[in-house]
Every structure is written in structure tokens, then in C-alpha cells.
Amino acid sequence: MMAARKIPASLIDRLPAVRGRIKEDAPLAPFTWFRVGGPAEILFRPADVADLAAFLAECPDDVPVTVLGAASNLLIRDGGLAGVVIRLGGEFARVRIEGARLVAGAGALDATVAEEALAAGLGGLEFLSGVPGTIGGAVKMNAGAYGSEIVDVIESATIVTRSGAVSRIGREALGLHYRGSALPDGAIVVEATFTGVPESPETIEARMADIRARRGATQPVRARTGGSTFANPEGAKAWELIDRAGCRGLTLGGAQVSEQHCNFLINTGGATAADLEALGEEVRRRVRLATGIELRWEIMRIGSPS
């Protein structure tokens, strides 16, 4: 008699119980600024830090875990993401003021944090109004714009490690550097504390208005884009190298190098993630041939091809 074939358990059956929301085969493209990419095998939205920590502590070690913020500087490939995708919202998006300190959850939008600081009369955080994304990603990547970076204003961050341990890390231990940090592999930022400088809201608002005007004049803010595509090489600006290589306006499928700012890739409406990534690689090839400089992707590219 032939033995019955064992049917593998689905991933969701191997995962611990949660208080938040969990879903199989969840679309991710609507969450991304490019509006492209495949689904998450599992999408988990934890109820709070305790729910997240308990889930990570019991999640099998062989299950990949990816954190998704505003997905502003991210390209999810067309085949989607295996394992568990964690999206922080709700409790993780709260912002509170404590004297000259601002405490923000990792799911809070950078622009929202800038507005809350404005309302509280705390200067120094207005550069966040020009940074697309959420605080969790901003801390991990030491996001910056218009002459300021996270390292200039952060006091500490609370993280949850892959083992489920919760700890608070001071600014020095975060190891923040140009578009990066020394956070442990798999660590998830859940909260950050910033120090502001008491100033009049009128002064802060004037600086924010200037940032908005400069950003709108130089960047395709209304397009389906992923922000700055390549990091600036030492002593050079990526957009100038791309322009010198003749890539301004270059297209591939539904993807285009922005005419307005050529370090931005744009989904003109029908692009796939494969179109955008291939166009980026073509830009890198042309810049390398024209200048001898190897551009490094600043946009994170994750997931499987279709």
C-alpha cells in the first residue's frame, strides 16, 4: 500500500499567535511609493511593542523577517517577499512631547514628526519635512536632507532584536554614519527620542516652507518614485554623474530617469519592479563607462523576481 504524501504546513500555521493582524498573500505594491512589487507571504501588523517582541521570540529561526515602513526608498521585486513582512502602524505611529524632547514611534511619518515639533516650538527637526518615510527607517539609515541628519538630533532609540529582546540604545552606540548605522542584524527600531531647540513656531515654519519650496522645485514629488536612487560617491554628486553620462530622461519599459532630477527613477504608470531595477543598472553601467565611477544603490531592492 502506498504511503499517503505528507502535505507541508503553510507558513502561517508555524507562526505564534498574535494580538495584532496577520494575513497570508498580502499585496504590498499599494504601500510602496513606486506602486510596484509582489505580495508578502505573510503580513503582520503588531498591536504594540510587547506583541512584536513576543512574536519575534517565538518565530522560527528559518523564517525570513522583513520590516516595511513607508516603503519610500524601497523597491520590492515582482515575485514578492518570502517569510513575514512586518508593518508598524497604530501605536507605533504615536508622537509625544516631553519638554525639549520629542518621542516618536517608528511608524510615525517623518513629515508628521516635523509638524509635531513645529507645533511644540522645537527647532532642529524641520529637515524631516523633506525626508520621505517613517522614523524607523530614518534612524536605521541615518536619513538626512538640507544639511541635517538624524545623528544631529537623536538622543536614543528603542529596538527589538530578532530574539525578541527589547533595549534602549544611546546615540553613540547606534553608530550612525552616512546612510547607515551599526544596529544589530535583524533589529527593529520601535521608538526614537530626539532633542529639539526651543524656538518660535514662526521661525521654524519659515524654514519648513523653504524646504518645501526647494524640494518641490528640484524633485519629482508628485511622481511614483523611490526618492534618491544612488548614494553620492566620495567627492561627487550622483545626479551630476548621471547627467554627464547622458541618462536624463532615459526610459526602459514603464520606467524613466526623471527629467527634473536625474537621481530619481519614476514609474510612469505601467512599470514593473524589473523595469525600474533594470533601468537603474543601465544607468550604473553608463556612468561607469563615462566616468569610471561605480554608483552604489541607495534604494533598497528586496524580494524575488517574478
Protein backbone atom coordinates (compact mmCIF):
# COMPACT_ATOMS: atom_id res chain seq x y z
CA MET A 1 0.00 0.00 0.00
CA MET A 2 1.39 3.42 -0.98
CA ALA A 3 2.01 5.79 1.95
CA ALA A 4 0.00 8.98 1.97
CA ARG A 5 2.01 12.02 0.90
CA LYS A 6 2.50 14.50 3.73
CA ILE A 7 1.20 17.95 2.85
CA PRO A 8 3.57 20.67 4.15
CA ALA A 9 2.02 23.02 6.67
CA SER A 10 1.56 26.57 5.43
CA LEU A 11 3.84 29.15 6.97
CA ILE A 12 1.06 30.80 8.94
CA ASP A 13 0.49 27.53 10.81
CA ARG A 14 4.09 27.60 12.03
CA LEU A 15 3.85 31.11 13.46
CA PRO A 16 2.97 32.09 17.04
CA ALA A 17 -0.42 33.52 17.98
CA VAL A 18 -0.56 37.33 17.89
CA ARG A 19 -2.85 40.10 19.14
CA GLY A 20 -2.30 42.19 16.03
CA ARG A 21 -3.40 41.45 12.46
CA ILE A 22 -1.83 38.76 10.32
CA LYS A 23 -2.64 37.86 6.70
CA GLU A 24 -1.39 35.48 4.01
CA ASP A 25 -0.52 36.51 0.43
CA ALA A 26 -0.97 40.20 1.17
CA PRO A 27 -0.45 42.77 -1.62
CA LEU A 28 2.44 45.16 -0.92
CA ALA A 29 2.52 47.34 -4.05
CA PRO A 30 -0.15 49.74 -2.69
CA PHE A 31 2.12 50.51 0.29
CA THR A 32 5.15 51.42 -1.82
CA TRP A 33 5.89 54.80 -3.37
CA PHE A 34 6.74 53.12 -6.69
CA ARG A 35 3.40 51.24 -6.59
CA VAL A 36 5.07 48.06 -7.85
CA GLY A 37 6.13 44.70 -6.43
CA GLY A 38 4.71 41.33 -5.48
CA PRO A 39 2.89 40.22 -2.31
CA ALA A 40 4.08 39.26 1.16
CA GLU A 41 3.84 35.58 2.01
CA ILE A 42 2.69 36.78 5.45
CA LEU A 43 1.92 40.36 6.50
CA PHE A 44 1.95 41.01 10.27
CA ARG A 45 0.83 44.26 11.89
CA PRO A 46 1.67 44.01 15.61
CA ALA A 47 -0.61 45.60 18.18
CA ASP A 48 2.26 47.06 20.21
CA VAL A 49 5.89 46.51 21.23
CA ALA A 50 5.02 43.58 23.51
CA ASP A 51 3.13 41.85 20.69
CA LEU A 52 6.07 42.35 18.32
CA ALA A 53 8.64 41.14 20.87
CA ALA A 54 6.63 38.03 21.72
CA PHE A 55 6.17 37.19 18.05
CA LEU A 56 9.89 37.52 17.28
CA ALA A 57 10.86 35.46 20.31
CA GLU A 58 8.75 32.53 19.10
CA CYS A 59 9.08 32.95 15.33
CA PRO A 60 11.09 30.02 13.86
CA ASP A 61 14.68 30.98 13.08
CA ASP A 62 14.42 29.83 9.46
CA VAL A 63 11.58 32.25 8.67
CA PRO A 64 12.78 35.46 6.97
CA VAL A 65 11.51 38.66 8.61
CA THR A 66 11.34 42.00 6.76
CA VAL A 67 10.20 45.33 8.19
CA LEU A 68 8.24 47.65 5.91
CA GLY A 69 7.86 51.33 6.76
CA ALA A 70 6.51 53.88 4.30
CA ALA A 71 8.41 51.99 1.55
CA SER A 72 9.55 55.32 0.13
CA ASN A 73 13.15 54.32 -0.61
CA LEU A 74 12.41 50.71 -1.39
CA LEU A 75 11.91 48.54 -4.47
CA ILE A 76 10.07 45.26 -3.89
CA ARG A 77 10.70 42.87 -6.76
CA ASP A 78 7.77 41.44 -8.71
CA GLY A 79 7.92 37.99 -7.09
CA GLY A 80 7.21 39.47 -3.67
CA LEU A 81 8.69 38.69 -0.27
CA ALA A 82 9.00 35.26 1.32
CA GLY A 83 8.50 34.86 5.04
CA VAL A 84 6.98 37.52 7.28
CA VAL A 85 6.69 41.21 6.45
CA ILE A 86 6.13 43.41 9.50
CA ARG A 87 4.40 46.76 9.11
CA LEU A 88 4.31 49.10 12.09
CA GLY A 89 1.26 51.32 12.50
CA GLY A 90 -1.27 52.27 15.16
CA GLU A 91 0.59 52.50 18.48
CA PHE A 92 3.88 52.71 16.61
CA ALA A 93 2.84 55.93 14.87
CA ARG A 94 2.31 57.98 18.02
CA VAL A 95 4.33 61.13 18.77
CA ARG A 96 4.61 62.82 22.16
CA ILE A 97 6.42 65.86 23.50
CA GLU A 98 8.41 65.73 26.74
CA GLY A 99 9.80 69.20 27.37
CA ALA A 100 12.56 69.79 24.80
CA ARG A 101 12.38 66.14 23.74
CA LEU A 102 10.19 64.58 21.07
CA VAL A 103 9.47 60.85 21.29
CA ALA A 104 8.24 59.22 18.09
CA GLY A 105 7.14 55.70 17.29
CA ALA A 106 8.91 54.01 14.39
CA GLY A 107 5.75 54.07 12.29
CA ALA A 108 5.36 57.86 12.51
CA LEU A 109 5.92 59.63 9.20
CA ASP A 110 8.99 61.86 9.16
CA ALA A 111 6.86 64.76 7.93
CA THR A 112 4.40 64.24 10.80
CA VAL A 113 7.26 64.40 13.31
CA ALA A 114 8.39 67.70 11.77
CA GLU A 115 4.85 69.09 12.10
CA GLU A 116 4.58 67.96 15.73
CA ALA A 117 7.92 69.61 16.51
CA LEU A 118 6.68 72.80 14.85
CA ALA A 119 3.52 72.79 16.95
CA ALA A 120 5.60 72.33 20.12
CA GLY A 121 8.07 75.07 19.19
CA LEU A 122 11.02 72.68 18.89
CA GLY A 123 13.54 73.58 16.19
CA GLY A 124 16.14 71.38 14.58
CA LEU A 125 13.74 68.72 13.29
CA GLU A 126 12.31 70.63 10.36
CA PHE A 127 14.62 68.82 7.89
CA LEU A 128 12.39 65.77 8.42
CA SER A 129 9.67 67.55 6.44
CA GLY A 130 11.85 66.92 3.39
CA VAL A 131 12.54 63.26 4.15
CA PRO A 132 10.03 60.71 2.78
CA GLY A 133 9.48 57.71 5.02
CA THR A 134 9.00 56.79 8.65
CA ILE A 135 11.11 57.29 11.76
CA GLY A 136 12.17 53.63 11.98
CA GLY A 137 13.78 53.71 8.57
CA ALA A 138 15.14 57.22 9.14
CA VAL A 139 17.01 56.05 12.25
CA LYS A 140 18.33 52.86 10.66
CA MET A 141 19.60 54.72 7.58
CA ASN A 142 20.58 57.97 9.36
CA ALA A 143 18.32 59.84 6.95
CA GLY A 144 19.21 63.41 6.13
CA ALA A 145 18.29 66.37 3.99
CA TYR A 146 19.11 70.05 3.62
CA GLY A 147 22.22 69.96 5.78
CA SER A 148 20.92 67.92 8.73
CA GLU A 149 20.83 64.21 9.61
CA ILE A 150 19.22 62.01 12.26
CA VAL A 151 22.57 61.76 14.07
CA ASP A 152 22.40 65.53 14.73
CA VAL A 153 19.16 65.35 16.72
CA ILE A 154 18.69 61.82 18.08
CA GLU A 155 19.21 61.03 21.77
CA SER A 156 18.34 57.32 21.82
CA ALA A 157 16.35 54.59 20.11
CA THR A 158 14.43 51.59 21.40
CA ILE A 159 14.88 48.40 19.40
CA VAL A 160 13.55 44.85 19.39
CA THR A 161 16.08 42.21 18.30
CA ARG A 162 15.31 39.09 16.28
CA SER A 163 15.32 37.13 19.55
CA GLY A 164 12.57 39.35 20.95
CA ALA A 165 14.75 41.30 23.39
CA VAL A 166 13.82 44.97 23.91
CA SER A 167 16.56 47.50 24.65
CA ARG A 168 17.26 51.22 24.51
CA ILE A 169 20.41 52.37 22.73
CA GLY A 170 22.09 55.76 23.06
CA ARG A 171 23.21 57.90 20.15
CA GLU A 172 26.86 56.83 20.20
CA ALA A 173 26.05 53.12 20.34
CA LEU A 174 23.77 53.47 17.31
CA GLY A 175 26.88 54.00 15.20
CA LEU A 176 25.15 56.34 12.78
CA HIS A 177 27.09 57.21 9.63
CA TYR A 178 26.30 58.32 6.08
CA ARG A 179 23.08 56.49 5.21
CA GLY A 180 23.68 53.70 7.69
CA SER A 181 24.01 52.57 11.29
CA ALA A 182 25.57 49.88 13.46
CA LEU A 183 22.26 48.35 14.54
CA PRO A 184 22.41 44.56 15.06
CA ASP A 185 21.25 42.41 12.14
CA GLY A 186 17.51 41.89 12.34
CA ALA A 187 16.97 44.64 14.93
CA ILE A 188 13.75 46.63 14.54
CA VAL A 189 13.57 50.25 15.67
CA VAL A 190 10.28 50.77 17.52
CA GLU A 191 10.78 54.24 19.02
CA ALA A 192 13.23 57.14 18.96
CA THR A 193 13.83 60.13 21.22
CA PHE A 194 15.01 63.41 19.70
CA THR A 195 16.23 66.63 21.28
CA GLY A 196 14.96 69.89 19.85
CA VAL A 197 15.84 73.53 20.40
CA PRO A 198 13.05 75.77 21.75
CA GLU A 199 12.22 78.36 19.08
CA SER A 200 9.23 80.33 17.91
CA PRO A 201 6.87 78.37 15.65
CA GLU A 202 7.09 81.23 13.12
CA THR A 203 10.86 80.76 12.78
CA ILE A 204 10.52 77.00 12.39
CA GLU A 205 7.65 77.32 9.90
CA ALA A 206 9.73 79.68 7.74
CA ARG A 207 12.50 77.09 7.48
CA MET A 208 9.99 74.32 6.70
CA ALA A 209 8.38 76.47 4.00
CA ASP A 210 11.80 76.97 2.44
CA ILE A 211 12.44 73.21 2.47
CA ARG A 212 9.06 72.50 0.85
CA ALA A 213 9.71 75.10 -1.86
CA ARG A 214 13.22 73.83 -2.61
CA ARG A 215 12.07 70.22 -2.68
CA GLY A 216 9.13 70.95 -4.96
CA ALA A 217 11.33 72.91 -7.35
CA THR A 218 14.04 70.25 -7.67
CA GLN A 219 12.39 66.86 -7.11
CA PRO A 220 9.51 64.98 -8.78
CA VAL A 221 7.47 64.94 -5.57
CA ARG A 222 4.17 64.11 -7.29
CA ALA A 223 5.53 61.18 -9.30
CA ARG A 224 5.63 57.49 -8.41
CA THR A 225 9.24 57.43 -7.34
CA GLY A 226 11.50 55.96 -4.69
CA GLY A 227 13.45 59.04 -3.75
CA SER A 228 17.20 59.31 -4.21
CA THR A 229 18.27 56.23 -6.20
CA PHE A 230 22.05 56.19 -5.76
CA ALA A 231 24.27 57.36 -2.90
CA ASN A 232 26.65 60.22 -3.60
CA PRO A 233 30.17 58.86 -4.19
CA GLU A 234 33.03 60.43 -2.25
CA GLY A 235 33.62 63.92 -3.60
CA ALA A 236 30.89 63.71 -6.24
CA LYS A 237 27.14 64.04 -6.70
CA ALA A 238 25.24 61.12 -8.18
CA TRP A 239 22.89 63.28 -10.23
CA GLU A 240 25.76 65.13 -11.90
CA LEU A 241 27.42 61.84 -12.88
CA ILE A 242 24.12 60.52 -14.26
CA ASP A 243 23.57 63.71 -16.23
CA ARG A 244 27.15 63.60 -17.58
CA ALA A 245 26.54 60.04 -18.77
CA GLY A 246 23.54 61.22 -20.81
CA CYS A 247 20.89 59.40 -18.76
CA ARG A 248 18.47 62.24 -18.00
CA GLY A 249 15.05 61.15 -19.32
CA LEU A 250 16.27 57.64 -20.24
CA THR A 251 13.43 55.07 -20.35
CA LEU A 252 13.04 51.31 -20.14
CA GLY A 253 9.56 49.82 -20.30
CA GLY A 254 7.40 51.91 -17.99
CA ALA A 255 10.38 53.25 -16.03
CA GLN A 256 12.09 56.58 -16.60
CA VAL A 257 15.01 58.58 -15.24
CA SER A 258 13.44 61.83 -14.06
CA GLU A 259 13.91 64.86 -16.30
CA GLN A 260 13.65 67.10 -13.24
CA HIS A 261 16.18 65.32 -11.01
CA CYS A 262 18.10 62.52 -12.68
CA ASN A 263 18.93 60.67 -9.46
CA PHE A 264 15.24 59.75 -9.27
CA LEU A 265 13.61 56.85 -11.09
CA ILE A 266 9.93 57.15 -11.97
CA ASN A 267 7.13 54.68 -12.62
CA THR A 268 5.37 56.46 -15.48
CA GLY A 269 2.30 54.29 -14.97
CA GLY A 270 2.97 50.82 -16.31
CA ALA A 271 6.40 49.97 -14.92
CA THR A 272 7.25 46.71 -13.21
CA ALA A 273 9.85 46.40 -10.49
CA ALA A 274 12.01 44.63 -13.07
CA ASP A 275 11.78 47.67 -15.38
CA LEU A 276 12.91 50.02 -12.61
CA GLU A 277 15.77 47.83 -11.45
CA ALA A 278 16.99 47.18 -14.99
CA LEU A 279 16.90 50.91 -15.75
CA GLY A 280 18.91 51.60 -12.60
CA GLU A 281 21.51 49.03 -13.63
CA GLU A 282 21.71 50.58 -17.10
CA VAL A 283 22.33 53.98 -15.51
CA ARG A 284 25.11 52.46 -13.39
CA ARG A 285 26.65 50.89 -16.50
CA ARG A 286 26.62 54.15 -18.45
CA VAL A 287 28.04 56.16 -15.55
CA ARG A 288 30.81 53.60 -15.09
CA LEU A 289 31.72 53.80 -18.79
CA ALA A 290 31.55 57.60 -18.89
CA THR A 291 33.28 58.43 -15.60
CA GLY A 292 34.90 55.29 -14.20
CA ILE A 293 32.81 55.69 -11.04
CA GLU A 294 30.67 52.84 -9.67
CA LEU A 295 27.36 54.15 -8.34
CA ARG A 296 26.01 52.41 -5.24
CA TRP A 297 22.25 51.85 -4.90
CA GLU A 298 20.69 53.88 -2.10
CA ILE A 299 17.25 52.44 -2.77
CA MET A 300 16.92 49.05 -1.09
CA ARG A 301 15.95 46.27 -3.52
CA ILE A 302 14.39 43.21 -1.88
CA GLY A 303 12.34 40.17 -2.78
CA SER A 304 12.31 37.66 -5.62
CA PRO A 305 11.97 38.30 -9.36
CA SER A 306 8.64 37.27 -10.87
